[in-house]
Amino acid sequence: MGFPSHSLYGGAFGISDPRGRALHYAQIPADTHILITHSPPYGILDGRPGTNEHQGCPELLEAVTRIRPLLHIFGHVHSGYGILETAYTTFVNAALLGPDGDIANRPILFNLPEVEP
């Protein structure tokens, strides 16, 4: 399941209203194993390491907490690049660009576990 929308700044694919985002993310099926979104959920690989800066979406965090996908891939917040594994979900911020807009990070490669139907 993929969602191109984000909560930042409105504009193309932006949903600046929190209620609109909650309704949007409520459409994610409960049995989603792999979720791909443009931006991160709030508090997960969504800011500069070592700071309290967060640019992720609280409504997306609520949806991800409810769904518990095995894998959630996103980008947008370049400074949050990396992987975070929790009990239920592996989160991947795959942003390749650095602060100057140049390619600064390497692609993240991993093997997916087999899922029983």
PDB file of N, CA and C in Angstrom:
ATOM      1  N   MET A   1       0.861  -1.160   0.000  1.00  0.00           N
ATOM      2  CA  MET A   1       0.000   0.000   0.000  1.00  0.00           C
ATOM      3  C   MET A   1       0.908   1.224   0.000  1.00  0.00           C
ATOM      4  N   GLY A   2       0.613   2.190  -0.852  1.00  0.00           N
ATOM      5  CA  GLY A   2       1.413   3.401  -0.932  1.00  0.00           C
ATOM      6  C   GLY A   2       0.572   4.660  -0.845  1.00  0.00           C
ATOM      7  N   PHE A   3       1.106   5.687  -0.198  1.00  0.00           N
ATOM      8  CA  PHE A   3       0.445   6.976  -0.059  1.00  0.00           C
ATOM      9  C   PHE A   3       1.451   8.080  -0.365  1.00  0.00           C
ATOM     10  N   PRO A   4       1.220   8.906  -1.409  1.00  0.00           N
ATOM     11  CA  PRO A   4       2.164   9.970  -1.737  1.00  0.00           C
ATOM     12  C   PRO A   4       1.970  11.232  -0.905  1.00  0.00           C
ATOM     13  N   SER A   5       0.918  11.304  -0.119  1.00  0.00           N
ATOM     14  CA  SER A   5       0.605  12.540   0.602  1.00  0.00           C
ATOM     15  C   SER A   5       1.577  12.775   1.755  1.00  0.00           C
ATOM     16  N   HIS A   6       1.599  14.015   2.206  1.00  0.00           N
ATOM     17  CA  HIS A   6       2.411  14.381   3.362  1.00  0.00           C
ATOM     18  C   HIS A   6       1.739  15.523   4.098  1.00  0.00           C
ATOM     19  N   SER A   7       2.196  15.767   5.318  1.00  0.00           N
ATOM     20  CA  SER A   7       1.568  16.789   6.154  1.00  0.00           C
ATOM     21  C   SER A   7       2.281  18.126   6.092  1.00  0.00           C
ATOM     22  N   LEU A   8       3.394  18.183   5.417  1.00  0.00           N
ATOM     23  CA  LEU A   8       4.223  19.382   5.457  1.00  0.00           C
ATOM     24  C   LEU A   8       3.859  20.371   4.369  1.00  0.00           C
ATOM     25  N   TYR A   9       3.579  21.601   4.748  1.00  0.00           N
ATOM     26  CA  TYR A   9       3.463  22.750   3.853  1.00  0.00           C
ATOM     27  C   TYR A   9       2.285  22.767   2.900  1.00  0.00           C
ATOM     28  N   GLY A  10       1.420  21.778   2.897  1.00  0.00           N
ATOM     29  CA  GLY A  10       0.350  21.764   1.899  1.00  0.00           C
ATOM     30  C   GLY A  10       0.953  21.532   0.521  1.00  0.00           C
ATOM     31  N   GLY A  11       0.496  22.247  -0.480  1.00  0.00           N
ATOM     32  CA  GLY A  11       1.054  22.111  -1.831  1.00  0.00           C
ATOM     33  C   GLY A  11       0.699  20.781  -2.450  1.00  0.00           C
ATOM     34  N   ALA A  12       1.482  20.379  -3.445  1.00  0.00           N
ATOM     35  CA  ALA A  12       1.231  19.127  -4.159  1.00  0.00           C
ATOM     36  C   ALA A  12       1.266  17.955  -3.188  1.00  0.00           C
ATOM     37  N   PHE A  13       0.227  17.197  -3.174  1.00  0.00           N
ATOM     38  CA  PHE A  13       0.063  16.012  -2.329  1.00  0.00           C
ATOM     39  C   PHE A  13       0.028  16.334  -0.838  1.00  0.00           C
ATOM     40  N   GLY A  14       0.003  17.605  -0.476  1.00  0.00           N
ATOM     41  CA  GLY A  14      -0.031  17.978   0.928  1.00  0.00           C
ATOM     42  C   GLY A  14      -1.446  18.003   1.469  1.00  0.00           C
ATOM     43  N   ILE A  15      -1.605  17.505   2.667  1.00  0.00           N
ATOM     44  CA  ILE A  15      -2.880  17.580   3.378  1.00  0.00           C
ATOM     45  C   ILE A  15      -2.571  18.277   4.698  1.00  0.00           C
ATOM     46  N   SER A  16      -2.824  19.569   4.762  1.00  0.00           N
ATOM     47  CA  SER A  16      -2.421  20.337   5.939  1.00  0.00           C
ATOM     48  C   SER A  16      -3.392  20.211   7.106  1.00  0.00           C
ATOM     49  N   ASP A  17      -4.608  19.752   6.865  1.00  0.00           N
ATOM     50  CA  ASP A  17      -5.603  19.610   7.921  1.00  0.00           C
ATOM     51  C   ASP A  17      -5.434  18.261   8.626  1.00  0.00           C
ATOM     52  N   PRO A  18      -5.202  18.255   9.949  1.00  0.00           N
ATOM     53  CA  PRO A  18      -5.020  16.987  10.666  1.00  0.00           C
ATOM     54  C   PRO A  18      -6.203  16.026  10.528  1.00  0.00           C
ATOM     55  N   ARG A  19      -7.435  16.543  10.524  1.00  0.00           N
ATOM     56  CA  ARG A  19      -8.588  15.658  10.376  1.00  0.00           C
ATOM     57  C   ARG A  19      -8.615  15.028   8.984  1.00  0.00           C
ATOM     58  N   GLY A  20      -8.234  15.794   7.978  1.00  0.00           N
ATOM     59  CA  GLY A  20      -8.164  15.253   6.623  1.00  0.00           C
ATOM     60  C   GLY A  20      -7.129  14.150   6.517  1.00  0.00           C
ATOM     61  N   ARG A  21      -5.988  14.355   7.179  1.00  0.00           N
ATOM     62  CA  ARG A  21      -4.951  13.310   7.168  1.00  0.00           C
ATOM     63  C   ARG A  21      -5.431  12.063   7.899  1.00  0.00           C
ATOM     64  N   ALA A  22      -6.118  12.236   9.029  1.00  0.00           N
ATOM     65  CA  ALA A  22      -6.623  11.081   9.774  1.00  0.00           C
ATOM     66  C   ALA A  22      -7.603  10.280   8.919  1.00  0.00           C
ATOM     67  N   LEU A  23      -8.491  10.966   8.204  1.00  0.00           N
ATOM     68  CA  LEU A  23      -9.429  10.281   7.313  1.00  0.00           C
ATOM     69  C   LEU A  23      -8.700   9.574   6.172  1.00  0.00           C
ATOM     70  N   HIS A  24      -7.680  10.235   5.651  1.00  0.00           N
ATOM     71  CA  HIS A  24      -6.880   9.676   4.561  1.00  0.00           C
ATOM     72  C   HIS A  24      -6.190   8.381   5.013  1.00  0.00           C
ATOM     73  N   TYR A  25      -5.513   8.436   6.164  1.00  0.00           N
ATOM     74  CA  TYR A  25      -4.774   7.264   6.642  1.00  0.00           C
ATOM     75  C   TYR A  25      -5.690   6.181   7.199  1.00  0.00           C
ATOM     76  N   ALA A  26      -6.935   6.514   7.525  1.00  0.00           N
ATOM     77  CA  ALA A  26      -7.894   5.500   7.974  1.00  0.00           C
ATOM     78  C   ALA A  26      -8.231   4.523   6.849  1.00  0.00           C
ATOM     79  N   GLN A  27      -7.923   4.892   5.600  1.00  0.00           N
ATOM     80  CA  GLN A  27      -8.185   4.027   4.453  1.00  0.00           C
ATOM     81  C   GLN A  27      -7.154   2.913   4.289  1.00  0.00           C
ATOM     82  N   ILE A  28      -6.066   2.957   5.052  1.00  0.00           N
ATOM     83  CA  ILE A  28      -5.039   1.923   4.939  1.00  0.00           C
ATOM     84  C   ILE A  28      -5.618   0.616   5.486  1.00  0.00           C
ATOM     85  N   PRO A  29      -5.629  -0.440   4.688  1.00  0.00           N
ATOM     86  CA  PRO A  29      -6.188  -1.712   5.163  1.00  0.00           C
ATOM     87  C   PRO A  29      -5.434  -2.250   6.380  1.00  0.00           C
ATOM     88  N   ALA A  30      -6.168  -2.849   7.298  1.00  0.00           N
ATOM     89  CA  ALA A  30      -5.589  -3.372   8.534  1.00  0.00           C
ATOM     90  C   ALA A  30      -4.587  -4.497   8.288  1.00  0.00           C
ATOM     91  N   ASP A  31      -4.692  -5.186   7.160  1.00  0.00           N
ATOM     92  CA  ASP A  31      -3.789  -6.304   6.872  1.00  0.00           C
ATOM     93  C   ASP A  31      -2.602  -5.896   5.999  1.00  0.00           C
ATOM     94  N   THR A  32      -2.258  -4.607   5.986  1.00  0.00           N
ATOM     95  CA  THR A  32      -1.121  -4.125   5.190  1.00  0.00           C
ATOM     96  C   THR A  32       0.186  -4.606   5.815  1.00  0.00           C
ATOM     97  N   HIS A  33       1.022  -5.264   5.025  1.00  0.00           N
ATOM     98  CA  HIS A  33       2.326  -5.735   5.496  1.00  0.00           C
ATOM     99  C   HIS A  33       3.434  -4.748   5.171  1.00  0.00           C
ATOM    100  N   ILE A  34       3.338  -4.097   4.003  1.00  0.00           N
ATOM    101  CA  ILE A  34       4.355  -3.133   3.581  1.00  0.00           C
ATOM    102  C   ILE A  34       3.639  -1.828   3.262  1.00  0.00           C
ATOM    103  N   LEU A  35       4.056  -0.770   3.949  1.00  0.00           N
ATOM    104  CA  LEU A  35       3.467   0.543   3.761  1.00  0.00           C
ATOM    105  C   LEU A  35       4.550   1.488   3.251  1.00  0.00           C
ATOM    106  N   ILE A  36       4.252   2.203   2.174  1.00  0.00           N
ATOM    107  CA  ILE A  36       5.179   3.178   1.612  1.00  0.00           C
ATOM    108  C   ILE A  36       4.481   4.529   1.623  1.00  0.00           C
ATOM    109  N   THR A  37       5.086   5.493   2.301  1.00  0.00           N
ATOM    110  CA  THR A  37       4.536   6.839   2.360  1.00  0.00           C
ATOM    111  C   THR A  37       5.622   7.833   1.984  1.00  0.00           C
ATOM    112  N   HIS A  38       5.204   9.034   1.649  1.00  0.00           N
ATOM    113  CA  HIS A  38       6.177  10.057   1.284  1.00  0.00           C
ATOM    114  C   HIS A  38       6.959  10.527   2.509  1.00  0.00           C
ATOM    115  N   SER A  39       6.264  10.792   3.589  1.00  0.00           N
ATOM    116  CA  SER A  39       6.924  11.317   4.777  1.00  0.00           C
ATOM    117  C   SER A  39       6.785  10.355   5.949  1.00  0.00           C
ATOM    118  N   PRO A  40       7.552  10.582   7.012  1.00  0.00           N
ATOM    119  CA  PRO A  40       7.565   9.661   8.150  1.00  0.00           C
ATOM    120  C   PRO A  40       6.444   9.921   9.145  1.00  0.00           C
ATOM    121  N   PRO A  41       6.198   8.926  10.001  1.00  0.00           N
ATOM    122  CA  PRO A  41       5.310   9.162  11.128  1.00  0.00           C
ATOM    123  C   PRO A  41       6.041  10.011  12.178  1.00  0.00           C
ATOM    124  N   TYR A  42       5.283  10.722  12.988  1.00  0.00           N
ATOM    125  CA  TYR A  42       5.865  11.600  13.998  1.00  0.00           C
ATOM    126  C   TYR A  42       6.758  10.817  14.960  1.00  0.00           C
ATOM    127  N   GLY A  43       7.971  11.331  15.170  1.00  0.00           N
ATOM    128  CA  GLY A  43       8.883  10.769  16.150  1.00  0.00           C
ATOM    129  C   GLY A  43       9.704   9.593  15.668  1.00  0.00           C
ATOM    130  N   ILE A  44       9.556   9.184  14.423  1.00  0.00           N
ATOM    131  CA  ILE A  44      10.292   8.028  13.911  1.00  0.00           C
ATOM    132  C   ILE A  44      11.115   8.456  12.706  1.00  0.00           C
ATOM    133  N   LEU A  45      12.433   8.549  12.894  1.00  0.00           N
ATOM    134  CA  LEU A  45      13.364   8.928  11.823  1.00  0.00           C
ATOM    135  C   LEU A  45      12.866  10.183  11.094  1.00  0.00           C
ATOM    136  N   ASP A  46      12.397  11.150  11.870  1.00  0.00           N
ATOM    137  CA  ASP A  46      11.770  12.330  11.272  1.00  0.00           C
ATOM    138  C   ASP A  46      12.454  13.643  11.651  1.00  0.00           C
ATOM    139  N   GLY A  47      13.709  13.575  12.072  1.00  0.00           N
ATOM    140  CA  GLY A  47      14.415  14.804  12.420  1.00  0.00           C
ATOM    141  C   GLY A  47      15.907  14.580  12.510  1.00  0.00           C
ATOM    142  N   ARG A  48      16.602  15.662  12.814  1.00  0.00           N
ATOM    143  CA  ARG A  48      18.047  15.600  12.945  1.00  0.00           C
ATOM    144  C   ARG A  48      18.411  14.802  14.199  1.00  0.00           C
ATOM    145  N   PRO A  49      19.271  13.775  14.077  1.00  0.00           N
ATOM    146  CA  PRO A  49      19.653  12.971  15.240  1.00  0.00           C
ATOM    147  C   PRO A  49      20.236  13.852  16.347  1.00  0.00           C
ATOM    148  N   GLY A  50      19.883  13.532  17.585  1.00  0.00           N
ATOM    149  CA  GLY A  50      20.395  14.266  18.731  1.00  0.00           C
ATOM    150  C   GLY A  50      19.629  15.541  19.049  1.00  0.00           C
ATOM    151  N   THR A  51      18.503  15.776  18.353  1.00  0.00           N
ATOM    152  CA  THR A  51      17.692  16.966  18.630  1.00  0.00           C
ATOM    153  C   THR A  51      16.262  16.529  18.951  1.00  0.00           C
ATOM    154  N   ASN A  52      15.467  17.468  19.388  1.00  0.00           N
ATOM    155  CA  ASN A  52      14.044  17.211  19.617  1.00  0.00           C
ATOM    156  C   ASN A  52      13.213  17.661  18.432  1.00  0.00           C
ATOM    157  N   GLU A  53      13.856  17.849  17.292  1.00  0.00           N
ATOM    158  CA  GLU A  53      13.184  18.278  16.069  1.00  0.00           C
ATOM    159  C   GLU A  53      12.405  17.105  15.480  1.00  0.00           C
ATOM    160  N   HIS A  54      11.111  17.313  15.236  1.00  0.00           N
ATOM    161  CA  HIS A  54      10.277  16.283  14.618  1.00  0.00           C
ATOM    162  C   HIS A  54       9.465  16.909  13.501  1.00  0.00           C
ATOM    163  N   GLN A  55       9.497  16.275  12.324  1.00  0.00           N
ATOM    164  CA  GLN A  55       8.757  16.776  11.173  1.00  0.00           C
ATOM    165  C   GLN A  55       7.748  15.763  10.659  1.00  0.00           C
ATOM    166  N   GLY A  56       7.612  14.648  11.355  1.00  0.00           N
ATOM    167  CA  GLY A  56       6.699  13.601  10.915  1.00  0.00           C
ATOM    168  C   GLY A  56       5.252  13.918  11.225  1.00  0.00           C
ATOM    169  N   CYS A  57       4.387  13.042  10.803  1.00  0.00           N
ATOM    170  CA  CYS A  57       2.940  13.242  10.877  1.00  0.00           C
ATOM    171  C   CYS A  57       2.333  12.462  12.048  1.00  0.00           C
ATOM    172  N   PRO A  58       1.705  13.150  13.011  1.00  0.00           N
ATOM    173  CA  PRO A  58       1.069  12.450  14.129  1.00  0.00           C
ATOM    174  C   PRO A  58      -0.060  11.507  13.690  1.00  0.00           C
ATOM    175  N   GLU A  59      -0.815  11.901  12.683  1.00  0.00           N
ATOM    176  CA  GLU A  59      -1.909  11.050  12.212  1.00  0.00           C
ATOM    177  C   GLU A  59      -1.381   9.784  11.537  1.00  0.00           C
ATOM    178  N   LEU A  60      -0.256   9.893  10.864  1.00  0.00           N
ATOM    179  CA  LEU A  60       0.365   8.712  10.275  1.00  0.00           C
ATOM    180  C   LEU A  60       0.890   7.791  11.376  1.00  0.00           C
ATOM    181  N   LEU A  61       1.461   8.359  12.434  1.00  0.00           N
ATOM    182  CA  LEU A  61       1.920   7.541  13.557  1.00  0.00           C
ATOM    183  C   LEU A  61       0.755   6.763  14.155  1.00  0.00           C
ATOM    184  N   GLU A  62      -0.380   7.411  14.302  1.00  0.00           N
ATOM    185  CA  GLU A  62      -1.567   6.748  14.826  1.00  0.00           C
ATOM    186  C   GLU A  62      -1.976   5.572  13.932  1.00  0.00           C
ATOM    187  N   ALA A  63      -1.953   5.778  12.628  1.00  0.00           N
ATOM    188  CA  ALA A  63      -2.322   4.720  11.687  1.00  0.00           C
ATOM    189  C   ALA A  63      -1.329   3.564  11.729  1.00  0.00           C
ATOM    190  N   VAL A  64      -0.042   3.874  11.761  1.00  0.00           N
ATOM    191  CA  VAL A  64       0.992   2.833  11.785  1.00  0.00           C
ATOM    192  C   VAL A  64       0.920   2.043  13.083  1.00  0.00           C
ATOM    193  N   THR A  65       0.620   2.717  14.186  1.00  0.00           N
ATOM    194  CA  THR A  65       0.476   2.033  15.469  1.00  0.00           C
ATOM    195  C   THR A  65      -0.710   1.079  15.436  1.00  0.00           C
ATOM    196  N   ARG A  66      -1.770   1.472  14.761  1.00  0.00           N
ATOM    197  CA  ARG A  66      -2.970   0.635  14.640  1.00  0.00           C
ATOM    198  C   ARG A  66      -2.726  -0.566  13.718  1.00  0.00           C
ATOM    199  N   ILE A  67      -2.077  -0.326  12.583  1.00  0.00           N
ATOM    200  CA  ILE A  67      -1.923  -1.350  11.548  1.00  0.00           C
ATOM    201  C   ILE A  67      -0.782  -2.318  11.842  1.00  0.00           C
ATOM    202  N   ARG A  68       0.316  -1.793  12.372  1.00  0.00           N
ATOM    203  CA  ARG A  68       1.531  -2.577  12.636  1.00  0.00           C
ATOM    204  C   ARG A  68       2.054  -3.285  11.388  1.00  0.00           C
ATOM    205  N   PRO A  69       2.346  -2.530  10.321  1.00  0.00           N
ATOM    206  CA  PRO A  69       2.914  -3.200   9.141  1.00  0.00           C
ATOM    207  C   PRO A  69       4.283  -3.788   9.482  1.00  0.00           C
ATOM    208  N   LEU A  70       4.680  -4.809   8.766  1.00  0.00           N
ATOM    209  CA  LEU A  70       6.010  -5.385   8.973  1.00  0.00           C
ATOM    210  C   LEU A  70       7.093  -4.391   8.567  1.00  0.00           C
ATOM    211  N   LEU A  71       6.802  -3.606   7.509  1.00  0.00           N
ATOM    212  CA  LEU A  71       7.791  -2.681   6.959  1.00  0.00           C
ATOM    213  C   LEU A  71       7.102  -1.380   6.580  1.00  0.00           C
ATOM    214  N   HIS A  72       7.689  -0.265   6.995  1.00  0.00           N
ATOM    215  CA  HIS A  72       7.195   1.057   6.598  1.00  0.00           C
ATOM    216  C   HIS A  72       8.377   1.825   6.019  1.00  0.00           C
ATOM    217  N   ILE A  73       8.280   2.157   4.718  1.00  0.00           N
ATOM    218  CA  ILE A  73       9.340   2.864   4.003  1.00  0.00           C
ATOM    219  C   ILE A  73       8.857   4.272   3.680  1.00  0.00           C
ATOM    220  N   PHE A  74       9.720   5.257   3.897  1.00  0.00           N
ATOM    221  CA  PHE A  74       9.383   6.653   3.626  1.00  0.00           C
ATOM    222  C   PHE A  74      10.670   7.426   3.390  1.00  0.00           C
ATOM    223  N   GLY A  75      10.563   8.716   3.203  1.00  0.00           N
ATOM    224  CA  GLY A  75      11.714   9.594   3.001  1.00  0.00           C
ATOM    225  C   GLY A  75      11.348  10.989   3.449  1.00  0.00           C
ATOM    226  N   HIS A  76      11.495  11.935   2.575  1.00  0.00           N
ATOM    227  CA  HIS A  76      11.150  13.348   2.735  1.00  0.00           C
ATOM    228  C   HIS A  76      12.023  14.080   3.751  1.00  0.00           C
ATOM    229  N   VAL A  77      12.167  13.572   4.963  1.00  0.00           N
ATOM    230  CA  VAL A  77      12.999  14.221   5.970  1.00  0.00           C
ATOM    231  C   VAL A  77      14.409  13.642   5.828  1.00  0.00           C
ATOM    232  N   HIS A  78      15.239  14.338   5.065  1.00  0.00           N
ATOM    233  CA  HIS A  78      16.560  13.823   4.704  1.00  0.00           C
ATOM    234  C   HIS A  78      17.426  13.540   5.918  1.00  0.00           C
ATOM    235  N   SER A  79      17.327  14.363   6.957  1.00  0.00           N
ATOM    236  CA  SER A  79      18.182  14.195   8.135  1.00  0.00           C
ATOM    237  C   SER A  79      17.808  12.969   8.962  1.00  0.00           C
ATOM    238  N   GLY A  80      16.676  12.330   8.675  1.00  0.00           N
ATOM    239  CA  GLY A  80      16.255  11.152   9.418  1.00  0.00           C
ATOM    240  C   GLY A  80      16.659   9.843   8.782  1.00  0.00           C
ATOM    241  N   TYR A  81      17.480   9.890   7.741  1.00  0.00           N
ATOM    242  CA  TYR A  81      17.909   8.693   6.999  1.00  0.00           C
ATOM    243  C   TYR A  81      18.338   7.579   7.954  1.00  0.00           C
ATOM    244  N   GLY A  82      17.866   6.361   7.683  1.00  0.00           N
ATOM    245  CA  GLY A  82      18.301   5.206   8.458  1.00  0.00           C
ATOM    246  C   GLY A  82      17.193   4.196   8.674  1.00  0.00           C
ATOM    247  N   ILE A  83      17.472   3.256   9.576  1.00  0.00           N
ATOM    248  CA  ILE A  83      16.543   2.160   9.879  1.00  0.00           C
ATOM    249  C   ILE A  83      16.296   2.126  11.378  1.00  0.00           C
ATOM    250  N   LEU A  84      15.041   1.892  11.752  1.00  0.00           N
ATOM    251  CA  LEU A  84      14.664   1.704  13.147  1.00  0.00           C
ATOM    252  C   LEU A  84      13.776   0.470  13.221  1.00  0.00           C
ATOM    253  N   GLU A  85      14.171  -0.489  14.034  1.00  0.00           N
ATOM    254  CA  GLU A  85      13.374  -1.701  14.202  1.00  0.00           C
ATOM    255  C   GLU A  85      12.662  -1.653  15.548  1.00  0.00           C
ATOM    256  N   THR A  86      11.363  -1.929  15.530  1.00  0.00           N
ATOM    257  CA  THR A  86      10.590  -2.033  16.757  1.00  0.00           C
ATOM    258  C   THR A  86      10.048  -3.456  16.856  1.00  0.00           C
ATOM    259  N   ALA A  87       9.276  -3.718  17.882  1.00  0.00           N
ATOM    260  CA  ALA A  87       8.736  -5.070  18.074  1.00  0.00           C
ATOM    261  C   ALA A  87       7.861  -5.514  16.911  1.00  0.00           C
ATOM    262  N   TYR A  88       7.174  -4.558  16.257  1.00  0.00           N
ATOM    263  CA  TYR A  88       6.217  -4.924  15.209  1.00  0.00           C
ATOM    264  C   TYR A  88       6.622  -4.483  13.813  1.00  0.00           C
ATOM    265  N   THR A  89       7.388  -3.401  13.702  1.00  0.00           N
ATOM    266  CA  THR A  89       7.621  -2.774  12.407  1.00  0.00           C
ATOM    267  C   THR A  89       9.088  -2.393  12.236  1.00  0.00           C
ATOM    268  N   THR A  90       9.591  -2.598  11.026  1.00  0.00           N
ATOM    269  CA  THR A  90      10.891  -2.043  10.636  1.00  0.00           C
ATOM    270  C   THR A  90      10.604  -0.775   9.854  1.00  0.00           C
ATOM    271  N   PHE A  91      11.120   0.355  10.337  1.00  0.00           N
ATOM    272  CA  PHE A  91      10.934   1.649   9.700  1.00  0.00           C
ATOM    273  C   PHE A  91      12.194   1.992   8.924  1.00  0.00           C
ATOM    274  N   VAL A  92      12.035   2.448   7.677  1.00  0.00           N
ATOM    275  CA  VAL A  92      13.158   2.793   6.825  1.00  0.00           C
ATOM    276  C   VAL A  92      12.946   4.189   6.258  1.00  0.00           C
ATOM    277  N   ASN A  93      13.802   5.124   6.666  1.00  0.00           N
ATOM    278  CA  ASN A  93      13.826   6.430   6.022  1.00  0.00           C
ATOM    279  C   ASN A  93      14.897   6.318   4.946  1.00  0.00           C
ATOM    280  N   ALA A  94      14.473   6.208   3.701  1.00  0.00           N
ATOM    281  CA  ALA A  94      15.367   5.943   2.579  1.00  0.00           C
ATOM    282  C   ALA A  94      15.763   7.210   1.826  1.00  0.00           C
ATOM    283  N   ALA A  95      15.688   8.372   2.472  1.00  0.00           N
ATOM    284  CA  ALA A  95      16.038   9.635   1.814  1.00  0.00           C
ATOM    285  C   ALA A  95      17.501   9.608   1.374  1.00  0.00           C
ATOM    286  N   LEU A  96      17.728   9.840   0.101  1.00  0.00           N
ATOM    287  CA  LEU A  96      19.091   9.809  -0.432  1.00  0.00           C
ATOM    288  C   LEU A  96      19.769  11.181  -0.428  1.00  0.00           C
ATOM    289  N   LEU A  97      18.970  12.237  -0.450  1.00  0.00           N
ATOM    290  CA  LEU A  97      19.546  13.574  -0.562  1.00  0.00           C
ATOM    291  C   LEU A  97      20.020  14.111   0.780  1.00  0.00           C
ATOM    292  N   GLY A  98      21.102  14.906   0.717  1.00  0.00           N
ATOM    293  CA  GLY A  98      21.625  15.572   1.896  1.00  0.00           C
ATOM    294  C   GLY A  98      21.048  16.969   2.028  1.00  0.00           C
ATOM    295  N   PRO A  99      21.544  17.758   2.979  1.00  0.00           N
ATOM    296  CA  PRO A  99      20.991  19.088   3.225  1.00  0.00           C
ATOM    297  C   PRO A  99      21.163  20.058   2.060  1.00  0.00           C
ATOM    298  N   ASP A 100      22.119  19.806   1.188  1.00  0.00           N
ATOM    299  CA  ASP A 100      22.355  20.689   0.044  1.00  0.00           C
ATOM    300  C   ASP A 100      21.658  20.206  -1.224  1.00  0.00           C
ATOM    301  N   GLY A 101      20.857  19.129  -1.114  1.00  0.00           N
ATOM    302  CA  GLY A 101      20.144  18.614  -2.273  1.00  0.00           C
ATOM    303  C   GLY A 101      20.972  17.682  -3.130  1.00  0.00           C
ATOM    304  N   ASP A 102      22.152  17.307  -2.663  1.00  0.00           N
ATOM    305  CA  ASP A 102      22.998  16.378  -3.410  1.00  0.00           C
ATOM    306  C   ASP A 102      22.799  14.965  -2.861  1.00  0.00           C
ATOM    307  N   ILE A 103      23.217  13.961  -3.620  1.00  0.00           N
ATOM    308  CA  ILE A 103      23.123  12.580  -3.153  1.00  0.00           C
ATOM    309  C   ILE A 103      24.156  12.407  -2.041  1.00  0.00           C
ATOM    310  N   ALA A 104      23.668  12.159  -0.835  1.00  0.00           N
ATOM    311  CA  ALA A 104      24.551  12.062   0.326  1.00  0.00           C
ATOM    312  C   ALA A 104      24.489  10.693   0.992  1.00  0.00           C
ATOM    313  N   ASN A 105      23.412   9.947   0.762  1.00  0.00           N
ATOM    314  CA  ASN A 105      23.227   8.662   1.434  1.00  0.00           C
ATOM    315  C   ASN A 105      23.173   7.530   0.425  1.00  0.00           C
ATOM    316  N   ARG A 106      23.542   6.359   0.900  1.00  0.00           N
ATOM    317  CA  ARG A 106      23.525   5.170   0.052  1.00  0.00           C
ATOM    318  C   ARG A 106      22.136   4.533   0.082  1.00  0.00           C
ATOM    319  N   PRO A 107      21.726   3.896  -1.013  1.00  0.00           N
ATOM    320  CA  PRO A 107      20.453   3.158  -0.995  1.00  0.00           C
ATOM    321  C   PRO A 107      20.485   2.090   0.101  1.00  0.00           C
ATOM    322  N   ILE A 108      19.363   1.854   0.717  1.00  0.00           N
ATOM    323  CA  ILE A 108      19.245   0.844   1.773  1.00  0.00           C
ATOM    324  C   ILE A 108      18.708  -0.436   1.142  1.00  0.00           C
ATOM    325  N   LEU A 109      19.448  -1.505   1.293  1.00  0.00           N
ATOM    326  CA  LEU A 109      19.059  -2.804   0.747  1.00  0.00           C
ATOM    327  C   LEU A 109      18.806  -3.765   1.891  1.00  0.00           C
ATOM    328  N   PHE A 110      17.782  -4.596   1.756  1.00  0.00           N
ATOM    329  CA  PHE A 110      17.488  -5.589   2.778  1.00  0.00           C
ATOM    330  C   PHE A 110      16.653  -6.692   2.156  1.00  0.00           C
ATOM    331  N   ASN A 111      16.625  -7.819   2.821  1.00  0.00           N
ATOM    332  CA  ASN A 111      15.801  -8.955   2.398  1.00  0.00           C
ATOM    333  C   ASN A 111      14.512  -8.955   3.190  1.00  0.00           C
ATOM    334  N   LEU A 112      13.405  -9.156   2.512  1.00  0.00           N
ATOM    335  CA  LEU A 112      12.116  -9.226   3.184  1.00  0.00           C
ATOM    336  C   LEU A 112      11.872 -10.639   3.699  1.00  0.00           C
ATOM    337  N   PRO A 113      11.303 -10.742   4.902  1.00  0.00           N
ATOM    338  CA  PRO A 113      10.953 -12.077   5.391  1.00  0.00           C
ATOM    339  C   PRO A 113       9.746 -12.600   4.628  1.00  0.00           C
ATOM    340  N   GLU A 114       9.636 -13.906   4.547  1.00  0.00           N
ATOM    341  CA  GLU A 114       8.463 -14.491   3.915  1.00  0.00           C
ATOM    342  C   GLU A 114       7.284 -14.365   4.865  1.00  0.00           C
ATOM    343  N   VAL A 115       6.134 -14.032   4.295  1.00  0.00           N
ATOM    344  CA  VAL A 115       4.919 -13.866   5.087  1.00  0.00           C
ATOM    345  C   VAL A 115       3.955 -14.974   4.720  1.00  0.00           C
ATOM    346  N   GLU A 116       3.430 -15.629   5.731  1.00  0.00           N
ATOM    347  CA  GLU A 116       2.445 -16.690   5.484  1.00  0.00           C
ATOM    348  C   GLU A 116       1.102 -16.052   5.143  1.00  0.00           C
ATOM    349  N   PRO A 117       0.389 -16.612   4.177  1.00  0.00           N
ATOM    350  CA  PRO A 117      -0.916 -16.030   3.798  1.00  0.00           C
ATOM    351  C   PRO A 117      -1.935 -16.138   4.913  1.00  0.00           C
TER     352      PRO A 117
END
